[in-house]
Amino acid sequence: MRILISNDDGYLAPGLAALAEALAPIADIVVVAPDSNRSGSSNSLTLDRPLSVYQAANGFYFINGTPSDCVHIALTGIMTSKPDLIVSGINQGQNMGDDTLYSGTVAAATEGHLFGIPAIAFSQLDKGWGEIKSAARVARDIIIPDHLCIAGVDEAGRGPLVGSVVAAAVILDPARPIDGINDSKKLTEKQRNRLYDLIIANAAAYCIAEASPIEIDELNILHATMLAMRRAIHGLPITPKLALIDGNRCPTEVTVPCKALVGGDALELSIGAASILAKVTRDRQLESLDIIHPEYGFAKHKGYPTAAHVAALMQHGAIESHRRSFKPVRDALENSPVKPE
């Protein structure tokens, strides 16, 4: 995706700079602005006179013309291909009806429409609008196209006797495809680790969350899994238009529409990506726990109720990370107290 960001004032407004930073991971960004404040009366094209263009150290382009000039020059000379969207804004407009400050913003957006490109024009409603949160909100709710806003959600660790249940939510970027994504259970450990790094680096957004052993014992494993999924969805930096959940049920109290998909980790790439993040994260947690308690063999069986794990439970007792609501752990607790970690 390609986005042209235009500013009305002679320097890049803090909010737009933050917006460019927020969009950079999922789009190719070009930023243009007048080399001095040209808001207000002079907003039409002035291409009948020589215009100079220089690129600053931060990569932004500055032009000695009006906001319309900036957009025109960007579309006809700076950008090698037409952008998918133009975002035009000003620095400190008090409201959308402020003709003096806002007219340049509208003119810049209109110039984009003349080239057949969708445009969004807005003003900063107060001087504090330059905060990252405000820019991210615009990016999340307005600018990110719908096809980037489908999140895949999966979990890892429902069956083990120890540790948290981990969930991940992933929004993949179509502009950055990742080869090899599949259900994490169908991949080798080496493949999962490689794909984990690629997903972290190339996804449009992701979040990894969990529910603790204490929450599992209090809620039961099903409801704790739904809690971890809900946390993963709500933790995404981009609000998805739809969350696809691996399995036959969706978490409750989620602020976005959800759809359950049985076997989704093998059908939907975003769910497969989520399964990889969740699986690798939980496996690494158990490997770390194995360093503290090597007698249980966590690095090998990852906490699942293998014969070796159950035997270690009966011999050494349970540790604090064991799930007390699971029968093999309850049985072990009858014979010995919990070991501190």
Protein backbone atom coordinates (compact mmCIF):
# COMPACT_ATOMS: atom_id res chain seq x y z
CA MET A 1 0.00 0.00 0.00
CA ARG A 2 1.23 3.51 -0.86
CA ILE A 3 0.17 6.65 1.05
CA LEU A 4 0.97 10.29 0.31
CA ILE A 5 0.88 12.52 3.40
CA SER A 6 0.56 16.26 2.79
CA ASN A 7 0.86 19.02 5.36
CA ASP A 8 -0.59 22.53 5.09
CA ASP A 9 2.05 24.36 7.12
CA GLY A 10 5.69 24.91 6.31
CA TYR A 11 6.87 22.15 8.61
CA LEU A 12 5.47 18.73 9.28
CA ALA A 13 2.86 18.83 12.02
CA PRO A 14 3.64 16.58 15.00
CA GLY A 15 0.44 14.63 14.49
CA LEU A 16 1.24 13.91 10.86
CA ALA A 17 4.79 12.93 11.73
CA ALA A 18 3.38 10.50 14.27
CA LEU A 19 0.90 9.29 11.68
CA ALA A 20 3.69 8.67 9.18
CA GLU A 21 5.54 6.68 11.82
CA ALA A 22 2.43 4.67 12.67
CA LEU A 23 1.74 3.82 9.02
CA ALA A 24 5.32 3.12 7.98
CA PRO A 25 5.27 -0.58 8.98
CA ILE A 26 2.36 -1.34 6.66
CA ALA A 27 2.69 1.17 3.83
CA ASP A 28 5.16 2.96 1.61
CA ILE A 29 5.01 6.57 2.81
CA VAL A 30 5.85 9.80 1.00
CA VAL A 31 5.53 13.07 2.94
CA VAL A 32 5.38 16.51 1.29
CA ALA A 33 4.94 20.01 2.75
CA PRO A 34 5.45 23.67 1.73
CA ASP A 35 8.84 25.09 2.72
CA SER A 36 7.04 27.87 4.61
CA ASN A 37 3.57 28.46 6.02
CA ARG A 38 1.32 28.95 2.98
CA SER A 39 -2.04 28.27 4.61
CA GLY A 40 -5.00 30.48 3.84
CA SER A 41 -5.23 32.68 0.79
CA SER A 42 -2.73 31.04 -1.56
CA ASN A 43 -3.79 27.44 -2.01
CA SER A 44 -4.38 27.01 -5.74
CA LEU A 45 -1.79 25.59 -8.11
CA THR A 46 1.06 27.96 -8.96
CA LEU A 47 2.95 25.75 -11.39
CA ASP A 48 3.46 28.66 -13.78
CA ARG A 49 6.50 29.66 -11.77
CA PRO A 50 9.65 27.59 -11.04
CA LEU A 51 9.27 25.37 -8.00
CA SER A 52 12.17 23.91 -6.06
CA VAL A 53 12.06 20.59 -4.25
CA TYR A 54 14.45 19.43 -1.60
CA GLN A 55 14.46 16.31 0.57
CA ALA A 56 15.24 16.68 4.24
CA ALA A 57 17.31 14.25 6.28
CA ASN A 58 14.17 12.58 7.60
CA GLY A 59 13.07 11.77 4.03
CA PHE A 60 10.30 14.36 3.84
CA TYR A 61 10.02 16.55 0.74
CA PHE A 62 9.66 20.34 0.98
CA ILE A 63 8.46 22.48 -1.94
CA ASN A 64 8.33 26.27 -2.32
CA GLY A 65 4.66 26.20 -3.28
CA THR A 66 1.15 25.81 -1.97
CA PRO A 67 -0.30 22.60 -0.48
CA SER A 68 -1.86 21.89 -3.89
CA ASP A 69 1.55 22.35 -5.52
CA CYS A 70 3.03 19.84 -3.09
CA VAL A 71 0.49 17.16 -3.91
CA HIS A 72 0.76 17.84 -7.64
CA ILE A 73 4.56 17.65 -7.63
CA ALA A 74 4.49 14.49 -5.54
CA LEU A 75 2.08 12.79 -7.93
CA THR A 76 3.81 13.88 -11.12
CA GLY A 77 7.44 13.86 -10.15
CA ILE A 78 8.33 12.41 -6.77
CA MET A 79 6.31 9.20 -6.58
CA THR A 80 7.09 6.51 -9.14
CA SER A 81 3.59 5.03 -8.89
CA LYS A 82 0.19 6.38 -7.93
CA PRO A 83 -0.62 6.22 -4.20
CA ASP A 84 -3.63 4.35 -2.89
CA LEU A 85 -4.57 7.19 -0.54
CA ILE A 86 -3.77 10.83 0.21
CA VAL A 87 -3.89 12.11 3.79
CA SER A 88 -3.95 15.91 4.05
CA GLY A 89 -3.83 17.78 7.34
CA ILE A 90 -2.86 21.02 9.08
CA ASN A 91 -0.99 21.84 12.22
CA GLN A 92 -3.30 23.69 14.63
CA GLY A 93 -6.67 24.30 13.04
CA GLN A 94 -9.26 25.00 15.69
CA ASN A 95 -12.10 23.31 13.84
CA MET A 96 -13.08 21.94 10.45
CA GLY A 97 -14.82 25.20 9.56
CA ASP A 98 -11.73 27.37 9.95
CA ASP A 99 -11.47 28.54 6.32
CA THR A 100 -8.14 30.33 6.77
CA LEU A 101 -6.28 27.31 8.09
CA TYR A 102 -8.34 24.55 6.59
CA SER A 103 -8.62 25.69 2.98
CA GLY A 104 -5.10 24.55 2.07
CA THR A 105 -5.84 21.12 3.46
CA VAL A 106 -8.99 20.83 1.37
CA ALA A 107 -7.21 22.12 -1.72
CA ALA A 108 -4.47 19.52 -1.32
CA ALA A 109 -7.00 16.71 -0.93
CA THR A 110 -8.98 18.03 -3.92
CA GLU A 111 -5.84 17.97 -6.04
CA GLY A 112 -5.58 14.27 -5.27
CA HIS A 113 -9.19 13.72 -6.32
CA LEU A 114 -8.40 15.30 -9.68
CA PHE A 115 -5.97 12.42 -10.20
CA GLY A 116 -8.63 9.91 -9.18
CA ILE A 117 -7.03 9.13 -5.79
CA PRO A 118 -9.08 8.83 -2.57
CA ALA A 119 -8.15 11.51 -0.04
CA ILE A 120 -8.80 12.25 3.62
CA ALA A 121 -8.51 15.82 4.95
CA PHE A 122 -8.51 16.71 8.61
CA SER A 123 -7.30 19.32 11.07
CA GLN A 124 -5.72 18.91 14.44
CA LEU A 125 -8.40 19.97 16.86
CA ASP A 126 -5.98 21.19 19.51
CA LYS A 127 -2.29 21.60 20.11
CA GLY A 128 -2.08 18.24 21.86
CA TRP A 129 -3.19 16.33 18.79
CA GLY A 130 0.42 15.53 17.93
CA GLU A 131 0.45 12.71 20.43
CA ILE A 132 1.15 9.27 19.04
CA LYS A 133 -2.15 7.96 20.40
CA SER A 134 -4.14 10.43 18.31
CA ALA A 135 -2.25 9.57 15.14
CA ALA A 136 -2.60 5.88 15.79
CA ARG A 137 -6.35 6.33 16.30
CA VAL A 138 -6.69 7.97 12.89
CA ALA A 139 -4.61 5.24 11.30
CA ARG A 140 -6.58 2.54 13.06
CA ASP A 141 -10.09 3.82 12.50
CA ILE A 142 -9.91 5.64 9.16
CA ILE A 143 -6.86 5.02 7.05
CA ILE A 144 -6.07 1.31 7.29
CA PRO A 145 -8.04 -0.45 4.53
CA ASP A 146 -10.48 -3.19 5.46
CA HIS A 147 -8.45 -5.98 3.88
CA LEU A 148 -5.67 -5.30 6.38
CA CYS A 149 -8.05 -5.50 9.31
CA ILE A 150 -8.89 -9.19 9.59
CA ALA A 151 -7.17 -10.70 12.60
CA GLY A 152 -6.45 -14.39 13.05
CA VAL A 153 -6.56 -15.68 16.62
CA ASP A 154 -5.27 -18.96 18.09
CA GLU A 155 -3.99 -20.37 21.36
CA ALA A 156 -1.39 -22.78 22.67
CA GLY A 157 -1.29 -24.67 25.93
CA ARG A 158 -4.78 -25.85 26.78
CA GLY A 159 -3.72 -29.42 27.52
CA PRO A 160 -0.50 -29.09 29.55
CA LEU A 161 -0.39 -29.44 33.32
CA VAL A 162 1.81 -26.42 33.87
CA GLY A 163 2.20 -22.81 32.76
CA SER A 164 -0.05 -20.22 31.17
CA VAL A 165 -2.34 -20.68 28.22
CA VAL A 166 -1.06 -18.32 25.51
CA ALA A 167 -3.08 -16.67 22.75
CA ALA A 168 -2.00 -14.56 19.80
CA ALA A 169 -3.82 -12.30 17.37
CA VAL A 170 -2.23 -11.41 14.03
CA ILE A 171 -3.17 -9.07 11.17
CA LEU A 172 -1.05 -9.96 8.16
CA ASP A 173 0.08 -7.38 5.60
CA PRO A 174 -0.77 -8.44 2.01
CA ALA A 175 2.13 -6.29 0.80
CA ARG A 176 4.54 -8.42 2.83
CA PRO A 177 3.61 -12.06 2.21
CA ILE A 178 5.26 -14.73 4.35
CA ASP A 179 5.86 -18.14 2.76
CA GLY A 180 5.42 -21.29 4.81
CA ILE A 181 2.75 -20.27 7.31
CA ASN A 182 0.69 -23.24 8.42
CA ASP A 183 -0.86 -24.82 11.49
CA SER A 184 1.99 -24.73 14.03
CA LYS A 185 1.42 -28.42 14.84
CA LYS A 186 2.35 -29.31 11.25
CA LEU A 187 5.67 -27.48 11.40
CA THR A 188 8.99 -28.47 12.91
CA GLU A 189 10.44 -26.47 15.78
CA LYS A 190 13.04 -24.99 13.44
CA GLN A 191 10.35 -23.92 10.96
CA ARG A 192 8.23 -22.38 13.72
CA ASN A 193 11.14 -20.36 15.08
CA ARG A 194 12.01 -19.06 11.61
CA LEU A 195 8.41 -18.11 10.87
CA TYR A 196 8.01 -16.52 14.30
CA ASP A 197 10.72 -13.98 13.45
CA LEU A 198 9.24 -13.34 9.99
CA ILE A 199 5.74 -12.78 11.39
CA ILE A 200 7.00 -10.40 14.07
CA ALA A 201 8.93 -8.43 11.43
CA ASN A 202 6.31 -8.34 8.66
CA ALA A 203 2.82 -8.51 10.17
CA ALA A 204 0.70 -5.37 10.03
CA ALA A 205 -0.05 -5.92 13.72
CA TYR A 206 0.16 -8.62 16.36
CA CYS A 207 -0.39 -9.16 20.06
CA ILE A 208 0.56 -12.08 22.30
CA ALA A 209 -1.35 -12.49 25.57
CA GLU A 210 -1.94 -15.15 28.18
CA ALA A 211 -3.97 -16.33 31.14
CA SER A 212 -2.00 -17.48 34.17
CA PRO A 213 -2.20 -20.83 35.97
CA ILE A 214 -4.06 -19.08 38.79
CA GLU A 215 -6.66 -17.78 36.31
CA ILE A 216 -6.92 -21.24 34.74
CA ASP A 217 -7.68 -22.76 38.16
CA GLU A 218 -10.19 -20.03 38.99
CA LEU A 219 -12.03 -19.93 35.64
CA ASN A 220 -11.33 -23.41 34.15
CA ILE A 221 -9.18 -23.91 31.08
CA LEU A 222 -11.90 -23.09 28.53
CA HIS A 223 -12.79 -19.72 30.02
CA ALA A 224 -9.13 -18.90 30.66
CA THR A 225 -8.40 -19.61 27.01
CA MET A 226 -11.20 -17.25 25.97
CA LEU A 227 -9.75 -14.64 28.34
CA ALA A 228 -6.31 -14.93 26.73
CA MET A 229 -7.85 -14.61 23.27
CA ARG A 230 -9.83 -11.55 24.30
CA ARG A 231 -6.67 -9.95 25.67
CA ALA A 232 -4.81 -10.67 22.44
CA ILE A 233 -7.56 -9.13 20.28
CA HIS A 234 -7.90 -6.04 22.46
CA GLY A 235 -4.12 -5.65 22.60
CA LEU A 236 -3.74 -5.20 18.84
CA PRO A 237 -2.45 -1.73 17.90
CA ILE A 238 -4.90 -1.78 14.97
CA THR A 239 -8.56 -2.50 15.67
CA PRO A 240 -9.59 -5.33 13.31
CA LYS A 241 -12.86 -5.26 11.43
CA LEU A 242 -13.21 -9.00 12.07
CA ALA A 243 -11.45 -11.57 14.26
CA LEU A 244 -11.27 -15.14 12.97
CA ILE A 245 -11.02 -17.56 15.90
CA ASP A 246 -9.58 -21.05 15.55
CA GLY A 247 -12.09 -23.53 16.95
CA ASN A 248 -15.84 -23.74 17.42
CA ARG A 249 -16.50 -20.82 19.73
CA CYS A 250 -15.59 -17.16 20.14
CA PRO A 251 -14.56 -15.29 23.27
CA THR A 252 -17.23 -13.14 24.87
CA GLU A 253 -17.09 -9.42 25.63
CA VAL A 254 -14.94 -8.72 22.58
CA THR A 255 -15.30 -5.26 21.05
CA VAL A 256 -15.01 -6.46 17.43
CA PRO A 257 -17.05 -9.00 15.43
CA CYS A 258 -15.73 -12.55 15.74
CA LYS A 259 -16.19 -15.70 13.69
CA ALA A 260 -15.20 -19.21 14.79
CA LEU A 261 -13.53 -21.42 12.21
CA VAL A 262 -12.88 -25.09 12.98
CA GLY A 263 -9.44 -26.05 11.70
CA GLY A 264 -8.80 -22.41 10.93
CA ASP A 265 -5.07 -22.63 11.62
CA ALA A 266 -4.72 -24.73 8.47
CA LEU A 267 -7.24 -22.72 6.42
CA GLU A 268 -6.51 -19.06 7.18
CA LEU A 269 -2.96 -17.70 7.05
CA SER A 270 -3.62 -15.15 9.79
CA ILE A 271 -4.82 -17.89 12.16
CA GLY A 272 -1.84 -20.04 11.22
CA ALA A 273 0.44 -17.09 12.00
CA ALA A 274 -1.28 -16.65 15.37
CA SER A 275 -0.82 -20.34 16.16
CA ILE A 276 2.92 -20.01 15.47
CA LEU A 277 3.34 -16.97 17.72
CA ALA A 278 1.37 -18.61 20.53
CA LYS A 279 3.16 -21.97 20.25
CA VAL A 280 6.69 -20.55 20.09
CA THR A 281 5.99 -18.15 22.96
CA ARG A 282 4.68 -20.90 25.23
CA ASP A 283 7.45 -23.34 24.29
CA ARG A 284 10.04 -20.73 25.21
CA GLN A 285 8.33 -20.14 28.54
CA LEU A 286 8.59 -23.86 29.32
CA GLU A 287 12.22 -23.95 28.23
CA SER A 288 12.92 -21.14 30.69
CA LEU A 289 11.04 -23.02 33.41
CA ASP A 290 13.11 -26.10 32.63
CA ILE A 291 16.27 -24.20 33.56
CA ILE A 292 14.86 -23.61 37.03
CA HIS A 293 13.34 -27.09 37.45
CA PRO A 294 15.24 -29.52 35.19
CA GLU A 295 13.91 -32.51 37.12
CA TYR A 296 10.52 -32.24 35.40
CA GLY A 297 11.75 -32.30 31.79
CA PHE A 298 9.65 -29.29 30.73
CA ALA A 299 11.90 -28.51 27.73
CA LYS A 300 11.15 -31.93 26.30
CA HIS A 301 7.42 -32.46 26.89
CA LYS A 302 6.44 -28.75 27.19
CA GLY A 303 4.24 -29.47 30.18
CA TYR A 304 1.94 -32.04 28.58
CA PRO A 305 0.86 -34.98 30.76
CA THR A 306 3.35 -37.51 29.45
CA ALA A 307 4.27 -40.53 31.54
CA ALA A 308 7.60 -38.89 32.39
CA HIS A 309 5.92 -35.68 33.51
CA VAL A 310 3.37 -37.46 35.69
CA ALA A 311 6.13 -39.59 37.23
CA ALA A 312 8.16 -36.46 38.01
CA LEU A 313 5.08 -34.91 39.60
CA MET A 314 4.61 -37.90 41.89
CA GLN A 315 8.29 -37.95 42.78
CA HIS A 316 9.01 -34.24 43.23
CA GLY A 317 5.58 -32.76 43.82
CA ALA A 318 4.04 -29.74 42.06
CA ILE A 319 5.56 -26.32 41.59
CA GLU A 320 3.69 -23.01 41.70
CA SER A 321 3.23 -22.95 37.92
CA HIS A 322 1.39 -26.27 37.90
CA ARG A 323 -2.35 -26.10 37.34
CA ARG A 324 -3.97 -27.35 40.53
CA SER A 325 -7.34 -27.94 38.85
CA PHE A 326 -5.85 -30.66 36.62
CA LYS A 327 -6.18 -34.16 38.11
CA PRO A 328 -2.53 -35.32 37.90
CA VAL A 329 -1.50 -32.16 39.75
CA ARG A 330 -4.23 -32.63 42.38
CA ASP A 331 -3.03 -36.17 42.92
CA ALA A 332 0.56 -34.99 43.35
CA LEU A 333 -0.52 -32.32 45.86
CA GLU A 334 -2.06 -35.02 48.05
CA ASN A 335 1.41 -36.51 48.51
CA SER A 336 3.59 -33.40 48.89
CA PRO A 337 3.30 -29.61 49.25
CA VAL A 338 3.91 -27.13 46.41
CA LYS A 339 7.58 -26.47 45.66
CA PRO A 340 8.54 -22.78 45.43
CA GLU A 341 9.96 -21.50 42.13
